[in-house]
C-alpha atoms as a PDB file:
ATOM      1  CA  UNK A   1       0.023  -0.086  -0.283  1.00  0.00           C
ATOM      2  CA  UNK A   2       1.197   3.408  -0.918  1.00  0.00           C
ATOM      3  CA  UNK A   3       0.280   6.012   1.901  1.00  0.00           C
ATOM      4  CA  UNK A   4      -0.202   9.602   1.285  1.00  0.00           C
ATOM      5  CA  UNK A   5       2.349  11.696   3.473  1.00  0.00           C
ATOM      6  CA  UNK A   6      -0.262  13.346   5.340  1.00  0.00           C
ATOM      7  CA  UNK A   7      -3.949  12.013   6.708  1.00  0.00           C
ATOM      8  CA  UNK A   8      -6.761  13.760   8.389  1.00  0.00           C
ATOM      9  CA  UNK A   9      -7.650  12.026  11.582  1.00  0.00           C
ATOM     10  CA  UNK A  10     -11.032  12.070  13.322  1.00  0.00           C
ATOM     11  CA  UNK A  11     -12.354  10.917  16.889  1.00  0.00           C
ATOM     12  CA  UNK A  12     -15.709  11.630  18.243  1.00  0.00           C
ATOM     13  CA  UNK A  13     -13.876  11.235  21.879  1.00  0.00           C
ATOM     14  CA  UNK A  14     -11.981  14.511  20.796  1.00  0.00           C
ATOM     15  CA  UNK A  15     -14.696  16.280  19.143  1.00  0.00           C
ATOM     16  CA  UNK A  16     -12.788  19.910  19.285  1.00  0.00           C
ATOM     17  CA  UNK A  17      -9.326  18.460  17.918  1.00  0.00           C
ATOM     18  CA  UNK A  18      -8.135  18.766  14.395  1.00  0.00           C
ATOM     19  CA  UNK A  19      -5.614  15.813  14.234  1.00  0.00           C
ATOM     20  CA  UNK A  20      -2.841  15.448  11.252  1.00  0.00           C
ATOM     21  CA  UNK A  21      -0.982  12.265  10.877  1.00  0.00           C
ATOM     22  CA  UNK A  22       2.472  12.316   9.052  1.00  0.00           C
ATOM     23  CA  UNK A  23       3.072   8.846   7.827  1.00  0.00           C
ATOM     24  CA  UNK A  24       6.626   9.441   6.896  1.00  0.00           C
ATOM     25  CA  UNK A  25       9.764   9.467   8.963  1.00  0.00           C
ATOM     26  CA  UNK A  26       9.533  10.994  11.500  1.00  0.00           C
ATOM     27  CA  UNK A  27       6.168   9.796  11.685  1.00  0.00           C
ATOM     28  CA  UNK A  28       3.843  11.876  14.220  1.00  0.00           C
ATOM     29  CA  UNK A  29       0.202  13.229  14.987  1.00  0.00           C
ATOM     30  CA  UNK A  30      -0.488  16.644  15.682  1.00  0.00           C
ATOM     31  CA  UNK A  31      -3.347  18.415  16.954  1.00  0.00           C
ATOM     32  CA  UNK A  32      -3.593  21.672  15.137  1.00  0.00           C
ATOM     33  CA  UNK A  33      -6.074  23.352  17.851  1.00  0.00           C
ATOM     34  CA  UNK A  34      -3.145  23.507  20.129  1.00  0.00           C
ATOM     35  CA  UNK A  35      -0.006  22.389  18.342  1.00  0.00           C
ATOM     36  CA  UNK A  36       0.348  19.176  20.528  1.00  0.00           C
ATOM     37  CA  UNK A  37       2.516  16.667  18.883  1.00  0.00           C
ATOM     38  CA  UNK A  38       2.765  12.936  19.487  1.00  0.00           C
ATOM     39  CA  UNK A  39       5.960  11.309  17.935  1.00  0.00           C
ATOM     40  CA  UNK A  40       6.339   7.507  16.810  1.00  0.00           C
ATOM     41  CA  UNK A  41       9.715   7.730  16.610  1.00  0.00           C
ATOM     42  CA  UNK A  42      12.496   8.783  19.404  1.00  0.00           C
ATOM     43  CA  UNK A  43      13.995  11.800  17.604  1.00  0.00           C
ATOM     44  CA  UNK A  44      17.759  12.375  18.721  1.00  0.00           C
ATOM     45  CA  UNK A  45      20.146  14.423  17.251  1.00  0.00           C
ATOM     46  CA  UNK A  46      23.610  16.360  17.992  1.00  0.00           C
ATOM     47  CA  UNK A  47      22.241  19.707  15.971  1.00  0.00           C
ATOM     48  CA  UNK A  48      19.137  20.738  17.840  1.00  0.00           C
ATOM     49  CA  UNK A  49      18.951  23.422  15.762  1.00  0.00           C
ATOM     50  CA  UNK A  50      18.842  21.406  12.787  1.00  0.00           C
ATOM     51  CA  UNK A  51      16.110  18.980  14.362  1.00  0.00           C
ATOM     52  CA  UNK A  52      14.137  22.311  15.183  1.00  0.00           C
ATOM     53  CA  UNK A  53      14.182  23.284  11.740  1.00  0.00           C
ATOM     54  CA  UNK A  54      12.889  19.853  10.116  1.00  0.00           C
ATOM     55  CA  UNK A  55      10.177  19.982  13.026  1.00  0.00           C
ATOM     56  CA  UNK A  56       8.884  23.256  12.083  1.00  0.00           C
ATOM     57  CA  UNK A  57       9.094  22.518   8.512  1.00  0.00           C
ATOM     58  CA  UNK A  58       6.727  19.278   8.784  1.00  0.00           C
ATOM     59  CA  UNK A  59       4.238  21.736  11.087  1.00  0.00           C
ATOM     60  CA  UNK A  60       4.032  23.964   8.370  1.00  0.00           C
ATOM     61  CA  UNK A  61       3.264  21.148   5.780  1.00  0.00           C
ATOM     62  CA  UNK A  62       0.959  19.727   7.974  1.00  0.00           C
ATOM     63  CA  UNK A  63      -1.010  23.157   8.582  1.00  0.00           C
ATOM     64  CA  UNK A  64      -1.055  24.013   4.538  1.00  0.00           C
ATOM     65  CA  UNK A  65      -2.400  19.935   4.028  1.00  0.00           C
ATOM     66  CA  UNK A  66      -5.207  20.709   6.226  1.00  0.00           C
ATOM     67  CA  UNK A  67      -5.947  24.289   4.562  1.00  0.00           C
ATOM     68  CA  UNK A  68      -5.563  22.754   1.345  1.00  0.00           C
ATOM     69  CA  UNK A  69      -8.186  20.005   2.427  1.00  0.00           C
ATOM     70  CA  UNK A  70     -10.461  22.319   4.006  1.00  0.00           C
ATOM     71  CA  UNK A  71     -10.482  24.212   0.632  1.00  0.00           C
ATOM     72  CA  UNK A  72     -11.292  21.394  -1.387  1.00  0.00           C
ATOM     73  CA  UNK A  73     -14.383  20.133   0.851  1.00  0.00           C
ATOM     74  CA  UNK A  74     -15.727  23.535   0.648  1.00  0.00           C
ATOM     75  CA  UNK A  75     -15.642  23.760  -2.834  1.00  0.00           C
ATOM     76  CA  UNK A  76     -17.412  20.523  -3.460  1.00  0.00           C
END
């Protein structure tokens, strides 16, 4: 199976949450309401600045993915 890089997640136990799942390394779930992230990998790096830059980029991509998906839902 070829998974997309991002998936939207929904759970009725967390009605106010907006979950985006990142399926590639480093895998994570982000709640866009409060920017809380749950990592599936143990991220360790000697270069914390580089790691912070990577994480910031992935959060931006997840947010852009969500915005794009919502635009598509609204246009249908």
